[in-house]
Amino acid sequence: MVANELEVVSSKIDRFGWAQMSDALKDRILMDWMAALQDYALHEVQAAIKQIQADKPKDATNEELVSKRIVANRGREMKRLPKVGENEGYCSAIRTPEQKAKADEIVKALGFNLKVK
């Protein structure tokens, strides 16, 4: 699917003559993209490409730019998550003493003995 994204981007921009490239050259470029982006989810790749094109619509998108954008997007997402220790207890959904008591009751009924540091 990543290779397909490159085909779409390359066909849209066609800055380096994608349509005229030999199949062997296209295959090599596709392999580079797949190797560089294989660890990312397809939706992350698509979002990064879309953002890069919105920022600089006439520039050619490459796998390094896509990877850097994904990492930057992940960093922004991580900053939005609660910090470790921000929510006490073993479940961040527990907000009240009543909820904690009910959760403790369920955990004990299941035969677990959790100790929260």
PDB file of N, CA and C in Angstrom:
ATOM      1  N   MET A   1       0.823  -1.203   0.000  1.00  0.00           N
ATOM      2  CA  MET A   1       0.000   0.000   0.000  1.00  0.00           C
ATOM      3  C   MET A   1       0.868   1.270   0.000  1.00  0.00           C
ATOM      4  N   VAL A   2       2.029   1.196   0.650  1.00  0.00           N
ATOM      5  CA  VAL A   2       2.937   2.344   0.644  1.00  0.00           C
ATOM      6  C   VAL A   2       3.413   2.615  -0.782  1.00  0.00           C
ATOM      7  N   ALA A   3       3.708   1.549  -1.510  1.00  0.00           N
ATOM      8  CA  ALA A   3       4.131   1.703  -2.904  1.00  0.00           C
ATOM      9  C   ALA A   3       3.036   2.389  -3.717  1.00  0.00           C
ATOM     10  N   ASN A   4       1.799   2.045  -3.439  1.00  0.00           N
ATOM     11  CA  ASN A   4       0.677   2.669  -4.133  1.00  0.00           C
ATOM     12  C   ASN A   4       0.624   4.163  -3.844  1.00  0.00           C
ATOM     13  N   GLU A   5       0.905   4.539  -2.598  1.00  0.00           N
ATOM     14  CA  GLU A   5       0.914   5.964  -2.242  1.00  0.00           C
ATOM     15  C   GLU A   5       1.984   6.718  -3.042  1.00  0.00           C
ATOM     16  N   LEU A   6       3.148   6.105  -3.197  1.00  0.00           N
ATOM     17  CA  LEU A   6       4.203   6.738  -3.994  1.00  0.00           C
ATOM     18  C   LEU A   6       3.753   6.894  -5.438  1.00  0.00           C
ATOM     19  N   GLU A   7       3.123   5.874  -5.977  1.00  0.00           N
ATOM     20  CA  GLU A   7       2.626   5.945  -7.364  1.00  0.00           C
ATOM     21  C   GLU A   7       1.659   7.116  -7.520  1.00  0.00           C
ATOM     22  N   VAL A   8       0.772   7.278  -6.562  1.00  0.00           N
ATOM     23  CA  VAL A   8      -0.213   8.364  -6.631  1.00  0.00           C
ATOM     24  C   VAL A   8       0.484   9.718  -6.557  1.00  0.00           C
ATOM     25  N   VAL A   9       1.368   9.871  -5.575  1.00  0.00           N
ATOM     26  CA  VAL A   9       2.085  11.146  -5.411  1.00  0.00           C
ATOM     27  C   VAL A   9       2.917  11.450  -6.649  1.00  0.00           C
ATOM     28  N   SER A  10       3.634  10.471  -7.137  1.00  0.00           N
ATOM     29  CA  SER A  10       4.503  10.670  -8.291  1.00  0.00           C
ATOM     30  C   SER A  10       3.714  11.005  -9.545  1.00  0.00           C
ATOM     31  N   SER A  11       2.562  10.393  -9.681  1.00  0.00           N
ATOM     32  CA  SER A  11       1.725  10.682 -10.849  1.00  0.00           C
ATOM     33  C   SER A  11       1.144  12.092 -10.779  1.00  0.00           C
ATOM     34  N   LYS A  12       0.804  12.527  -9.571  1.00  0.00           N
ATOM     35  CA  LYS A  12       0.252  13.874  -9.410  1.00  0.00           C
ATOM     36  C   LYS A  12       1.289  14.943  -9.719  1.00  0.00           C
ATOM     37  N   ILE A  13       2.464  14.776  -9.151  1.00  0.00           N
ATOM     38  CA  ILE A  13       3.503  15.802  -9.276  1.00  0.00           C
ATOM     39  C   ILE A  13       4.282  15.637 -10.581  1.00  0.00           C
ATOM     40  N   ASP A  14       4.743  14.437 -10.842  1.00  0.00           N
ATOM     41  CA  ASP A  14       5.535  14.069 -12.023  1.00  0.00           C
ATOM     42  C   ASP A  14       6.666  15.064 -12.290  1.00  0.00           C
ATOM     43  N   ARG A  15       7.390  15.439 -11.211  1.00  0.00           N
ATOM     44  CA  ARG A  15       8.491  16.388 -11.340  1.00  0.00           C
ATOM     45  C   ARG A  15       9.714  15.772 -12.005  1.00  0.00           C
ATOM     46  N   PHE A  16       9.872  14.460 -11.869  1.00  0.00           N
ATOM     47  CA  PHE A  16      11.076  13.814 -12.384  1.00  0.00           C
ATOM     48  C   PHE A  16      10.759  12.810 -13.480  1.00  0.00           C
ATOM     49  N   GLY A  17       9.641  12.988 -14.151  1.00  0.00           N
ATOM     50  CA  GLY A  17       9.305  12.136 -15.283  1.00  0.00           C
ATOM     51  C   GLY A  17       8.905  10.722 -14.894  1.00  0.00           C
ATOM     52  N   TRP A  18       8.112  10.589 -13.844  1.00  0.00           N
ATOM     53  CA  TRP A  18       7.678   9.277 -13.372  1.00  0.00           C
ATOM     54  C   TRP A  18       7.055   8.465 -14.501  1.00  0.00           C
ATOM     55  N   ALA A  19       6.237   9.107 -15.305  1.00  0.00           N
ATOM     56  CA  ALA A  19       5.536   8.390 -16.383  1.00  0.00           C
ATOM     57  C   ALA A  19       6.513   7.831 -17.416  1.00  0.00           C
ATOM     58  N   GLN A  20       7.646   8.473 -17.600  1.00  0.00           N
ATOM     59  CA  GLN A  20       8.616   8.018 -18.594  1.00  0.00           C
ATOM     60  C   GLN A  20       9.695   7.098 -18.018  1.00  0.00           C
ATOM     61  N   MET A  21       9.738   6.924 -16.710  1.00  0.00           N
ATOM     62  CA  MET A  21      10.773   6.085 -16.093  1.00  0.00           C
ATOM     63  C   MET A  21      10.601   4.627 -16.484  1.00  0.00           C
ATOM     64  N   SER A  22      11.720   3.960 -16.529  1.00  0.00           N
ATOM     65  CA  SER A  22      11.658   2.518 -16.795  1.00  0.00           C
ATOM     66  C   SER A  22      11.052   1.813 -15.586  1.00  0.00           C
ATOM     67  N   ASP A  23      10.486   0.641 -15.819  1.00  0.00           N
ATOM     68  CA  ASP A  23       9.895  -0.122 -14.718  1.00  0.00           C
ATOM     69  C   ASP A  23      10.939  -0.498 -13.678  1.00  0.00           C
ATOM     70  N   ALA A  24      12.162  -0.784 -14.124  1.00  0.00           N
ATOM     71  CA  ALA A  24      13.224  -1.158 -13.189  1.00  0.00           C
ATOM     72  C   ALA A  24      13.553  -0.002 -12.247  1.00  0.00           C
ATOM     73  N   LEU A  25      13.602   1.214 -12.764  1.00  0.00           N
ATOM     74  CA  LEU A  25      13.882   2.385 -11.934  1.00  0.00           C
ATOM     75  C   LEU A  25      12.728   2.656 -10.976  1.00  0.00           C
ATOM     76  N   LYS A  26      11.501   2.554 -11.466  1.00  0.00           N
ATOM     77  CA  LYS A  26      10.337   2.729 -10.594  1.00  0.00           C
ATOM     78  C   LYS A  26      10.354   1.694  -9.474  1.00  0.00           C
ATOM     79  N   ASP A  27      10.658   0.445  -9.817  1.00  0.00           N
ATOM     80  CA  ASP A  27      10.701  -0.620  -8.811  1.00  0.00           C
ATOM     81  C   ASP A  27      11.727  -0.318  -7.734  1.00  0.00           C
ATOM     82  N   ARG A  28      12.874   0.199  -8.124  1.00  0.00           N
ATOM     83  CA  ARG A  28      13.919   0.528  -7.155  1.00  0.00           C
ATOM     84  C   ARG A  28      13.471   1.640  -6.219  1.00  0.00           C
ATOM     85  N   ILE A  29      12.846   2.655  -6.777  1.00  0.00           N
ATOM     86  CA  ILE A  29      12.340   3.753  -5.956  1.00  0.00           C
ATOM     87  C   ILE A  29      11.248   3.255  -5.021  1.00  0.00           C
ATOM     88  N   LEU A  30      10.367   2.408  -5.536  1.00  0.00           N
ATOM     89  CA  LEU A  30       9.300   1.837  -4.713  1.00  0.00           C
ATOM     90  C   LEU A  30       9.874   1.019  -3.562  1.00  0.00           C
ATOM     91  N   MET A  31      10.908   0.249  -3.835  1.00  0.00           N
ATOM     92  CA  MET A  31      11.535  -0.566  -2.783  1.00  0.00           C
ATOM     93  C   MET A  31      12.135   0.324  -1.695  1.00  0.00           C
ATOM     94  N   ASP A  32      12.751   1.425  -2.092  1.00  0.00           N
ATOM     95  CA  ASP A  32      13.312   2.357  -1.114  1.00  0.00           C
ATOM     96  C   ASP A  32      12.211   2.934  -0.225  1.00  0.00           C
ATOM     97  N   TRP A  33      11.106   3.326  -0.837  1.00  0.00           N
ATOM     98  CA  TRP A  33       9.981   3.861  -0.067  1.00  0.00           C
ATOM     99  C   TRP A  33       9.452   2.811   0.895  1.00  0.00           C
ATOM    100  N   MET A  34       9.251   1.616   0.419  1.00  0.00           N
ATOM    101  CA  MET A  34       8.704   0.562   1.268  1.00  0.00           C
ATOM    102  C   MET A  34       9.644   0.248   2.425  1.00  0.00           C
ATOM    103  N   ALA A  35      10.934   0.213   2.161  1.00  0.00           N
ATOM    104  CA  ALA A  35      11.907  -0.071   3.226  1.00  0.00           C
ATOM    105  C   ALA A  35      11.908   1.034   4.278  1.00  0.00           C
ATOM    106  N   ALA A  36      11.831   2.268   3.831  1.00  0.00           N
ATOM    107  CA  ALA A  36      11.892   3.395   4.759  1.00  0.00           C
ATOM    108  C   ALA A  36      10.611   3.574   5.568  1.00  0.00           C
ATOM    109  N   LEU A  37       9.481   3.166   5.002  1.00  0.00           N
ATOM    110  CA  LEU A  37       8.196   3.469   5.638  1.00  0.00           C
ATOM    111  C   LEU A  37       7.434   2.241   6.109  1.00  0.00           C
ATOM    112  N   GLN A  38       8.060   1.073   6.043  1.00  0.00           N
ATOM    113  CA  GLN A  38       7.348  -0.159   6.376  1.00  0.00           C
ATOM    114  C   GLN A  38       6.893  -0.251   7.830  1.00  0.00           C
ATOM    115  N   ASP A  39       7.539   0.459   8.727  1.00  0.00           N
ATOM    116  CA  ASP A  39       7.192   0.378  10.143  1.00  0.00           C
ATOM    117  C   ASP A  39       6.056   1.326  10.550  1.00  0.00           C
ATOM    118  N   TYR A  40       5.575   2.106   9.608  1.00  0.00           N
ATOM    119  CA  TYR A  40       4.510   3.062   9.910  1.00  0.00           C
ATOM    120  C   TYR A  40       3.183   2.554   9.366  1.00  0.00           C
ATOM    121  N   ALA A  41       2.117   2.926  10.058  1.00  0.00           N
ATOM    122  CA  ALA A  41       0.777   2.568   9.600  1.00  0.00           C
ATOM    123  C   ALA A  41       0.441   3.349   8.332  1.00  0.00           C
ATOM    124  N   LEU A  42      -0.337   2.717   7.467  1.00  0.00           N
ATOM    125  CA  LEU A  42      -0.691   3.347   6.202  1.00  0.00           C
ATOM    126  C   LEU A  42      -1.362   4.699   6.408  1.00  0.00           C
ATOM    127  N   HIS A  43      -2.258   4.798   7.390  1.00  0.00           N
ATOM    128  CA  HIS A  43      -2.930   6.083   7.617  1.00  0.00           C
ATOM    129  C   HIS A  43      -1.939   7.174   8.023  1.00  0.00           C
ATOM    130  N   GLU A  44      -0.850   6.800   8.700  1.00  0.00           N
ATOM    131  CA  GLU A  44       0.173   7.784   9.069  1.00  0.00           C
ATOM    132  C   GLU A  44       0.922   8.253   7.828  1.00  0.00           C
ATOM    133  N   VAL A  45       1.237   7.327   6.940  1.00  0.00           N
ATOM    134  CA  VAL A  45       1.935   7.665   5.690  1.00  0.00           C
ATOM    135  C   VAL A  45       1.061   8.587   4.858  1.00  0.00           C
ATOM    136  N   GLN A  46      -0.211   8.242   4.722  1.00  0.00           N
ATOM    137  CA  GLN A  46      -1.129   9.050   3.925  1.00  0.00           C
ATOM    138  C   GLN A  46      -1.288  10.451   4.511  1.00  0.00           C
ATOM    139  N   ALA A  47      -1.421  10.527   5.823  1.00  0.00           N
ATOM    140  CA  ALA A  47      -1.576  11.838   6.473  1.00  0.00           C
ATOM    141  C   ALA A  47      -0.322  12.688   6.285  1.00  0.00           C
ATOM    142  N   ALA A  48       0.837  12.075   6.431  1.00  0.00           N
ATOM    143  CA  ALA A  48       2.094  12.817   6.275  1.00  0.00           C
ATOM    144  C   ALA A  48       2.248  13.337   4.850  1.00  0.00           C
ATOM    145  N   ILE A  49       1.937  12.498   3.871  1.00  0.00           N
ATOM    146  CA  ILE A  49       2.027  12.924   2.465  1.00  0.00           C
ATOM    147  C   ILE A  49       1.076  14.089   2.213  1.00  0.00           C
ATOM    148  N   LYS A  50      -0.125  13.978   2.733  1.00  0.00           N
ATOM    149  CA  LYS A  50      -1.117  15.044   2.555  1.00  0.00           C
ATOM    150  C   LYS A  50      -0.629  16.349   3.169  1.00  0.00           C
ATOM    151  N   GLN A  51      -0.039  16.278   4.356  1.00  0.00           N
ATOM    152  CA  GLN A  51       0.469  17.481   5.018  1.00  0.00           C
ATOM    153  C   GLN A  51       1.635  18.088   4.249  1.00  0.00           C
ATOM    154  N   ILE A  52       2.542  17.247   3.779  1.00  0.00           N
ATOM    155  CA  ILE A  52       3.701  17.736   3.022  1.00  0.00           C
ATOM    156  C   ILE A  52       3.240  18.428   1.747  1.00  0.00           C
ATOM    157  N   GLN A  53       2.293  17.824   1.071  1.00  0.00           N
ATOM    158  CA  GLN A  53       1.794  18.425  -0.171  1.00  0.00           C
ATOM    159  C   GLN A  53       1.050  19.726   0.089  1.00  0.00           C
ATOM    160  N   ALA A  54       0.366  19.804   1.222  1.00  0.00           N
ATOM    161  CA  ALA A  54      -0.333  21.045   1.567  1.00  0.00           C
ATOM    162  C   ALA A  54       0.668  22.161   1.857  1.00  0.00           C
ATOM    163  N   ASP A  55       1.781  21.813   2.510  1.00  0.00           N
ATOM    164  CA  ASP A  55       2.810  22.802   2.835  1.00  0.00           C
ATOM    165  C   ASP A  55       3.551  23.283   1.590  1.00  0.00           C
ATOM    166  N   LYS A  56       3.927  22.337   0.735  1.00  0.00           N
ATOM    167  CA  LYS A  56       4.705  22.665  -0.470  1.00  0.00           C
ATOM    168  C   LYS A  56       4.179  21.833  -1.635  1.00  0.00           C
ATOM    169  N   PRO A  57       3.091  22.256  -2.247  1.00  0.00           N
ATOM    170  CA  PRO A  57       2.431  21.434  -3.262  1.00  0.00           C
ATOM    171  C   PRO A  57       3.266  21.152  -4.509  1.00  0.00           C
ATOM    172  N   LYS A  58       4.242  21.977  -4.814  1.00  0.00           N
ATOM    173  CA  LYS A  58       5.020  21.756  -6.036  1.00  0.00           C
ATOM    174  C   LYS A  58       6.297  20.968  -5.797  1.00  0.00           C
ATOM    175  N   ASP A  59       6.653  20.770  -4.526  1.00  0.00           N
ATOM    176  CA  ASP A  59       7.877  20.027  -4.218  1.00  0.00           C
ATOM    177  C   ASP A  59       7.636  18.523  -4.295  1.00  0.00           C
ATOM    178  N   ALA A  60       8.668  17.806  -4.662  1.00  0.00           N
ATOM    179  CA  ALA A  60       8.595  16.346  -4.691  1.00  0.00           C
ATOM    180  C   ALA A  60       8.665  15.824  -3.259  1.00  0.00           C
ATOM    181  N   THR A  61       7.812  14.894  -2.960  1.00  0.00           N
ATOM    182  CA  THR A  61       7.788  14.271  -1.641  1.00  0.00           C
ATOM    183  C   THR A  61       8.718  13.070  -1.662  1.00  0.00           C
ATOM    184  N   ASN A  62       9.533  12.920  -0.627  1.00  0.00           N
ATOM    185  CA  ASN A  62      10.389  11.733  -0.566  1.00  0.00           C
ATOM    186  C   ASN A  62      10.165  11.007   0.752  1.00  0.00           C
ATOM    187  N   GLU A  63      10.688   9.793   0.827  1.00  0.00           N
ATOM    188  CA  GLU A  63      10.425   8.958   1.997  1.00  0.00           C
ATOM    189  C   GLU A  63      10.999   9.537   3.284  1.00  0.00           C
ATOM    190  N   GLU A  64      12.085  10.273   3.201  1.00  0.00           N
ATOM    191  CA  GLU A  64      12.674  10.880   4.393  1.00  0.00           C
ATOM    192  C   GLU A  64      11.762  11.964   4.962  1.00  0.00           C
ATOM    193  N   LEU A  65      11.213  12.790   4.080  1.00  0.00           N
ATOM    194  CA  LEU A  65      10.276  13.818   4.536  1.00  0.00           C
ATOM    195  C   LEU A  65       9.037  13.193   5.165  1.00  0.00           C
ATOM    196  N   VAL A  66       8.551  12.114   4.562  1.00  0.00           N
ATOM    197  CA  VAL A  66       7.367  11.438   5.083  1.00  0.00           C
ATOM    198  C   VAL A  66       7.667  10.877   6.469  1.00  0.00           C
ATOM    199  N   SER A  67       8.799  10.224   6.610  1.00  0.00           N
ATOM    200  CA  SER A  67       9.186   9.640   7.893  1.00  0.00           C
ATOM    201  C   SER A  67       9.320  10.717   8.967  1.00  0.00           C
ATOM    202  N   LYS A  68       9.977  11.812   8.647  1.00  0.00           N
ATOM    203  CA  LYS A  68      10.149  12.902   9.613  1.00  0.00           C
ATOM    204  C   LYS A  68       8.804  13.495  10.024  1.00  0.00           C
ATOM    205  N   ARG A  69       7.897  13.613   9.077  1.00  0.00           N
ATOM    206  CA  ARG A  69       6.577  14.169   9.388  1.00  0.00           C
ATOM    207  C   ARG A  69       5.797  13.221  10.299  1.00  0.00           C
ATOM    208  N   ILE A  70       5.894  11.928  10.047  1.00  0.00           N
ATOM    209  CA  ILE A  70       5.211  10.947  10.898  1.00  0.00           C
ATOM    210  C   ILE A  70       5.743  11.030  12.321  1.00  0.00           C
ATOM    211  N   VAL A  71       7.060  11.096  12.459  1.00  0.00           N
ATOM    212  CA  VAL A  71       7.666  11.188  13.794  1.00  0.00           C
ATOM    213  C   VAL A  71       7.214  12.475  14.492  1.00  0.00           C
ATOM    214  N   ALA A  72       7.165  13.571  13.759  1.00  0.00           N
ATOM    215  CA  ALA A  72       6.702  14.837  14.333  1.00  0.00           C
ATOM    216  C   ALA A  72       5.237  14.737  14.759  1.00  0.00           C
ATOM    217  N   ASN A  73       4.414  14.104  13.923  1.00  0.00           N
ATOM    218  CA  ASN A  73       3.000  13.924  14.269  1.00  0.00           C
ATOM    219  C   ASN A  73       2.846  13.062  15.514  1.00  0.00           C
ATOM    220  N   ARG A  74       3.644  12.011  15.596  1.00  0.00           N
ATOM    221  CA  ARG A  74       3.588  11.147  16.777  1.00  0.00           C
ATOM    222  C   ARG A  74       4.011  11.916  18.024  1.00  0.00           C
ATOM    223  N   GLY A  75       5.012  12.770  17.894  1.00  0.00           N
ATOM    224  CA  GLY A  75       5.464  13.580  19.018  1.00  0.00           C
ATOM    225  C   GLY A  75       4.365  14.492  19.531  1.00  0.00           C
ATOM    226  N   ARG A  76       3.619  15.109  18.616  1.00  0.00           N
ATOM    227  CA  ARG A  76       2.510  15.970  19.017  1.00  0.00           C
ATOM    228  C   ARG A  76       1.423  15.161  19.723  1.00  0.00           C
ATOM    229  N   GLU A  77       1.171  13.957  19.229  1.00  0.00           N
ATOM    230  CA  GLU A  77       0.173  13.092  19.866  1.00  0.00           C
ATOM    231  C   GLU A  77       0.617  12.687  21.274  1.00  0.00           C
ATOM    232  N   MET A  78       1.901  12.378  21.427  1.00  0.00           N
ATOM    233  CA  MET A  78       2.424  11.978  22.735  1.00  0.00           C
ATOM    234  C   MET A  78       2.271  13.105  23.757  1.00  0.00           C
ATOM    235  N   LYS A  79       2.446  14.338  23.327  1.00  0.00           N
ATOM    236  CA  LYS A  79       2.323  15.476  24.233  1.00  0.00           C
ATOM    237  C   LYS A  79       0.892  15.646  24.729  1.00  0.00           C
ATOM    238  N   ARG A  80      -0.066  15.164  23.948  1.00  0.00           N
ATOM    239  CA  ARG A  80      -1.470  15.283  24.346  1.00  0.00           C
ATOM    240  C   ARG A  80      -1.881  14.231  25.374  1.00  0.00           C
ATOM    241  N   LEU A  81      -1.120  13.154  25.497  1.00  0.00           N
ATOM    242  CA  LEU A  81      -1.453  12.078  26.430  1.00  0.00           C
ATOM    243  C   LEU A  81      -1.136  12.495  27.862  1.00  0.00           C
ATOM    244  N   PRO A  82      -1.860  11.936  28.834  1.00  0.00           N
ATOM    245  CA  PRO A  82      -1.542  12.261  30.229  1.00  0.00           C
ATOM    246  C   PRO A  82      -0.151  11.766  30.595  1.00  0.00           C
ATOM    247  N   LYS A  83       0.510  12.515  31.453  1.00  0.00           N
ATOM    248  CA  LYS A  83       1.855  12.132  31.889  1.00  0.00           C
ATOM    249  C   LYS A  83       1.762  10.973  32.877  1.00  0.00           C
ATOM    250  N   VAL A  84       2.819  10.178  32.936  1.00  0.00           N
ATOM    251  CA  VAL A  84       2.869   9.067  33.875  1.00  0.00           C
ATOM    252  C   VAL A  84       2.749   9.620  35.284  1.00  0.00           C
ATOM    253  N   GLY A  85       1.889   9.002  36.082  1.00  0.00           N
ATOM    254  CA  GLY A  85       1.684   9.465  37.444  1.00  0.00           C
ATOM    255  C   GLY A  85       0.628  10.548  37.570  1.00  0.00           C
ATOM    256  N   GLU A  86       0.144  11.031  36.440  1.00  0.00           N
ATOM    257  CA  GLU A  86      -0.861  12.080  36.472  1.00  0.00           C
ATOM    258  C   GLU A  86      -2.171  11.551  37.046  1.00  0.00           C
ATOM    259  N   ASN A  87      -2.486  10.318  36.742  1.00  0.00           N
ATOM    260  CA  ASN A  87      -3.677   9.658  37.283  1.00  0.00           C
ATOM    261  C   ASN A  87      -3.210   8.580  38.241  1.00  0.00           C
ATOM    262  N   GLU A  88      -3.607   8.687  39.483  1.00  0.00           N
ATOM    263  CA  GLU A  88      -3.185   7.692  40.459  1.00  0.00           C
ATOM    264  C   GLU A  88      -3.965   6.405  40.266  1.00  0.00           C
ATOM    265  N   GLY A  89      -3.377   5.320  40.738  1.00  0.00           N
ATOM    266  CA  GLY A  89      -4.051   4.037  40.665  1.00  0.00           C
ATOM    267  C   GLY A  89      -3.692   3.279  39.400  1.00  0.00           C
ATOM    268  N   TYR A  90      -4.353   2.175  39.210  1.00  0.00           N
ATOM    269  CA  TYR A  90      -4.020   1.304  38.097  1.00  0.00           C
ATOM    270  C   TYR A  90      -4.925   1.502  36.901  1.00  0.00           C
ATOM    271  N   CYS A  91      -5.813   2.453  36.968  1.00  0.00           N
ATOM    272  CA  CYS A  91      -6.702   2.709  35.837  1.00  0.00           C
ATOM    273  C   CYS A  91      -6.975   4.211  35.764  1.00  0.00           C
ATOM    274  N   SER A  92      -6.653   4.817  34.647  1.00  0.00           N
ATOM    275  CA  SER A  92      -6.832   6.257  34.515  1.00  0.00           C
ATOM    276  C   SER A  92      -8.297   6.662  34.440  1.00  0.00           C
ATOM    277  N   ALA A  93      -9.209   5.684  34.225  1.00  0.00           N
ATOM    278  CA  ALA A  93     -10.628   6.009  34.153  1.00  0.00           C
ATOM    279  C   ALA A  93     -11.231   6.202  35.550  1.00  0.00           C
ATOM    280  N   ILE A  94     -10.515   5.773  36.595  1.00  0.00           N
ATOM    281  CA  ILE A  94     -11.017   5.893  37.967  1.00  0.00           C
ATOM    282  C   ILE A  94     -10.809   7.323  38.433  1.00  0.00           C
ATOM    283  N   ARG A  95     -11.893   7.977  38.779  1.00  0.00           N
ATOM    284  CA  ARG A  95     -11.828   9.382  39.178  1.00  0.00           C
ATOM    285  C   ARG A  95     -12.272   9.616  40.620  1.00  0.00           C
ATOM    286  N   THR A  96     -13.179   8.786  41.118  1.00  0.00           N
ATOM    287  CA  THR A  96     -13.734   9.027  42.450  1.00  0.00           C
ATOM    288  C   THR A  96     -13.385   7.874  43.386  1.00  0.00           C
ATOM    289  N   PRO A  97     -13.485   8.100  44.709  1.00  0.00           N
ATOM    290  CA  PRO A  97     -13.241   7.013  45.669  1.00  0.00           C
ATOM    291  C   PRO A  97     -14.213   5.843  45.475  1.00  0.00           C
ATOM    292  N   GLU A  98     -15.448   6.158  45.089  1.00  0.00           N
ATOM    293  CA  GLU A  98     -16.429   5.102  44.851  1.00  0.00           C
ATOM    294  C   GLU A  98     -16.010   4.218  43.668  1.00  0.00           C
ATOM    295  N   GLN A  99     -15.505   4.854  42.621  1.00  0.00           N
ATOM    296  CA  GLN A  99     -15.040   4.093  41.458  1.00  0.00           C
ATOM    297  C   GLN A  99     -13.840   3.232  41.836  1.00  0.00           C
ATOM    298  N   LYS A 100     -12.944   3.774  42.664  1.00  0.00           N
ATOM    299  CA  LYS A 100     -11.775   3.007  43.090  1.00  0.00           C
ATOM    300  C   LYS A 100     -12.197   1.803  43.922  1.00  0.00           C
ATOM    301  N   ALA A 101     -13.156   2.007  44.838  1.00  0.00           N
ATOM    302  CA  ALA A 101     -13.639   0.904  45.669  1.00  0.00           C
ATOM    303  C   ALA A 101     -14.274  -0.185  44.809  1.00  0.00           C
ATOM    304  N   LYS A 102     -15.069   0.207  43.839  1.00  0.00           N
ATOM    305  CA  LYS A 102     -15.707  -0.767  42.943  1.00  0.00           C
ATOM    306  C   LYS A 102     -14.658  -1.520  42.129  1.00  0.00           C
ATOM    307  N   ALA A 103     -13.648  -0.791  41.634  1.00  0.00           N
ATOM    308  CA  ALA A 103     -12.576  -1.429  40.860  1.00  0.00           C
ATOM    309  C   ALA A 103     -11.805  -2.412  41.740  1.00  0.00           C
ATOM    310  N   ASP A 104     -11.504  -2.013  42.970  1.00  0.00           N
ATOM    311  CA  ASP A 104     -10.803  -2.913  43.898  1.00  0.00           C
ATOM    312  C   ASP A 104     -11.626  -4.175  44.156  1.00  0.00           C
ATOM    313  N   GLU A 105     -12.921  -4.001  44.315  1.00  0.00           N
ATOM    314  CA  GLU A 105     -13.823  -5.133  44.551  1.00  0.00           C
ATOM    315  C   GLU A 105     -13.798  -6.110  43.371  1.00  0.00           C
ATOM    316  N   ILE A 106     -13.852  -5.577  42.171  1.00  0.00           N
ATOM    317  CA  ILE A 106     -13.826  -6.418  40.967  1.00  0.00           C
ATOM    318  C   ILE A 106     -12.496  -7.154  40.854  1.00  0.00           C
ATOM    319  N   VAL A 107     -11.408  -6.443  41.090  1.00  0.00           N
ATOM    320  CA  VAL A 107     -10.074  -7.039  40.990  1.00  0.00           C
ATOM    321  C   VAL A 107      -9.929  -8.175  42.009  1.00  0.00           C
ATOM    322  N   LYS A 108     -10.360  -7.939  43.236  1.00  0.00           N
ATOM    323  CA  LYS A 108     -10.267  -8.975  44.277  1.00  0.00           C
ATOM    324  C   LYS A 108     -11.159 -10.169  43.954  1.00  0.00           C
ATOM    325  N   ALA A 109     -12.357  -9.914  43.415  1.00  0.00           N
ATOM    326  CA  ALA A 109     -13.271 -10.995  43.045  1.00  0.00           C
ATOM    327  C   ALA A 109     -12.664 -11.885  41.956  1.00  0.00           C
ATOM    328  N   LEU A 110     -11.807 -11.303  41.136  1.00  0.00           N
ATOM    329  CA  LEU A 110     -11.133 -12.065  40.081  1.00  0.00           C
ATOM    330  C   LEU A 110      -9.901 -12.804  40.607  1.00  0.00           C
ATOM    331  N   GLY A 111      -9.564 -12.563  41.864  1.00  0.00           N
ATOM    332  CA  GLY A 111      -8.442 -13.287  42.470  1.00  0.00           C
ATOM    333  C   GLY A 111      -7.092 -12.592  42.343  1.00  0.00           C
ATOM    334  N   PHE A 112      -7.120 -11.299  42.013  1.00  0.00           N
ATOM    335  CA  PHE A 112      -5.864 -10.566  41.896  1.00  0.00           C
ATOM    336  C   PHE A 112      -5.635  -9.719  43.130  1.00  0.00           C
ATOM    337  N   ASN A 113      -4.377  -9.469  43.426  1.00  0.00           N
ATOM    338  CA  ASN A 113      -4.019  -8.600  44.528  1.00  0.00           C
ATOM    339  C   ASN A 113      -3.025  -7.577  43.993  1.00  0.00           C
ATOM    340  N   LEU A 114      -3.533  -6.446  43.529  1.00  0.00           N
ATOM    341  CA  LEU A 114      -2.675  -5.423  42.937  1.00  0.00           C
ATOM    342  C   LEU A 114      -2.176  -4.459  43.990  1.00  0.00           C
ATOM    343  N   LYS A 115      -0.914  -4.141  43.911  1.00  0.00           N
ATOM    344  CA  LYS A 115      -0.336  -3.139  44.788  1.00  0.00           C
ATOM    345  C   LYS A 115       0.130  -1.985  43.912  1.00  0.00           C
ATOM    346  N   VAL A 116      -0.425  -0.830  44.164  1.00  0.00           N
ATOM    347  CA  VAL A 116      -0.082   0.355  43.390  1.00  0.00           C
ATOM    348  C   VAL A 116       0.983   1.119  44.137  1.00  0.00           C
ATOM    349  N   LYS A 117       2.048   1.469  43.435  1.00  0.00           N
ATOM    350  CA  LYS A 117       3.147   2.228  44.043  1.00  0.00           C
ATOM    351  C   LYS A 117       2.819   3.676  44.103  1.00  0.00           C
TER     352      LYS A 117
END
